Amino acid sequence: MLEEIASNSDNIDYGEMIHV
């Protein structure tokens, strides 16, 4: 999953989801 975040430019949005 982390790899996907790095590949995605919207990693910020993803990070927020994880934070929830």
N, C-alpha and C. Protein backbone atom coordinates (compact mmCIF):
# COMPACT_ATOMS: atom_id res chain seq x y z
N MET A 1 0.85 -1.21 0.00
CA MET A 1 0.00 0.00 0.00
C MET A 1 0.88 1.25 0.00
N LEU A 2 1.92 1.23 0.78
CA LEU A 2 2.81 2.40 0.84
C LEU A 2 3.34 2.71 -0.55
N GLU A 3 3.65 1.66 -1.30
CA GLU A 3 4.19 1.88 -2.65
C GLU A 3 3.17 2.63 -3.49
N GLU A 4 1.90 2.27 -3.34
CA GLU A 4 0.86 2.94 -4.12
C GLU A 4 0.83 4.43 -3.78
N ILE A 5 0.97 4.74 -2.53
CA ILE A 5 0.94 6.15 -2.10
C ILE A 5 2.07 6.90 -2.79
N ALA A 6 3.24 6.31 -2.80
CA ALA A 6 4.40 6.97 -3.41
C ALA A 6 4.15 7.18 -4.89
N SER A 7 3.47 6.23 -5.50
CA SER A 7 3.21 6.33 -6.94
C SER A 7 2.13 7.38 -7.20
N ASN A 8 1.19 7.47 -6.27
CA ASN A 8 0.09 8.43 -6.44
C ASN A 8 0.51 9.83 -6.00
N SER A 9 0.19 10.81 -6.81
CA SER A 9 0.54 12.19 -6.45
C SER A 9 -0.40 12.69 -5.36
N ASP A 10 -1.52 11.98 -5.18
CA ASP A 10 -2.49 12.38 -4.15
C ASP A 10 -2.18 11.67 -2.84
N ASN A 11 -0.91 11.42 -2.58
CA ASN A 11 -0.54 10.72 -1.35
C ASN A 11 -1.09 11.47 -0.13
N ILE A 12 -1.26 12.77 -0.24
CA ILE A 12 -1.77 13.56 0.88
C ILE A 12 -3.17 13.09 1.24
N ASP A 13 -4.00 12.92 0.22
CA ASP A 13 -5.37 12.46 0.47
C ASP A 13 -5.33 11.08 1.12
N TYR A 14 -4.48 10.22 0.61
CA TYR A 14 -4.38 8.86 1.15
C TYR A 14 -3.91 8.91 2.60
N GLY A 15 -2.94 9.75 2.86
CA GLY A 15 -2.42 9.89 4.22
C GLY A 15 -3.54 10.26 5.18
N GLU A 16 -4.43 11.13 4.73
CA GLU A 16 -5.53 11.53 5.61
C GLU A 16 -6.40 10.33 5.93
N MET A 17 -6.65 9.50 4.94
CA MET A 17 -7.48 8.31 5.16
C MET A 17 -6.85 7.42 6.22
N ILE A 18 -5.54 7.25 6.14
CA ILE A 18 -4.84 6.39 7.11
C ILE A 18 -4.94 7.03 8.50
N HIS A 19 -4.87 8.33 8.54
CA HIS A 19 -4.93 9.04 9.81
C HIS A 19 -6.27 8.81 10.50
N VAL A 20 -7.30 8.69 9.70
CA VAL A 20 -8.65 8.53 10.28
C VAL A 20 -8.69 7.31 11.17
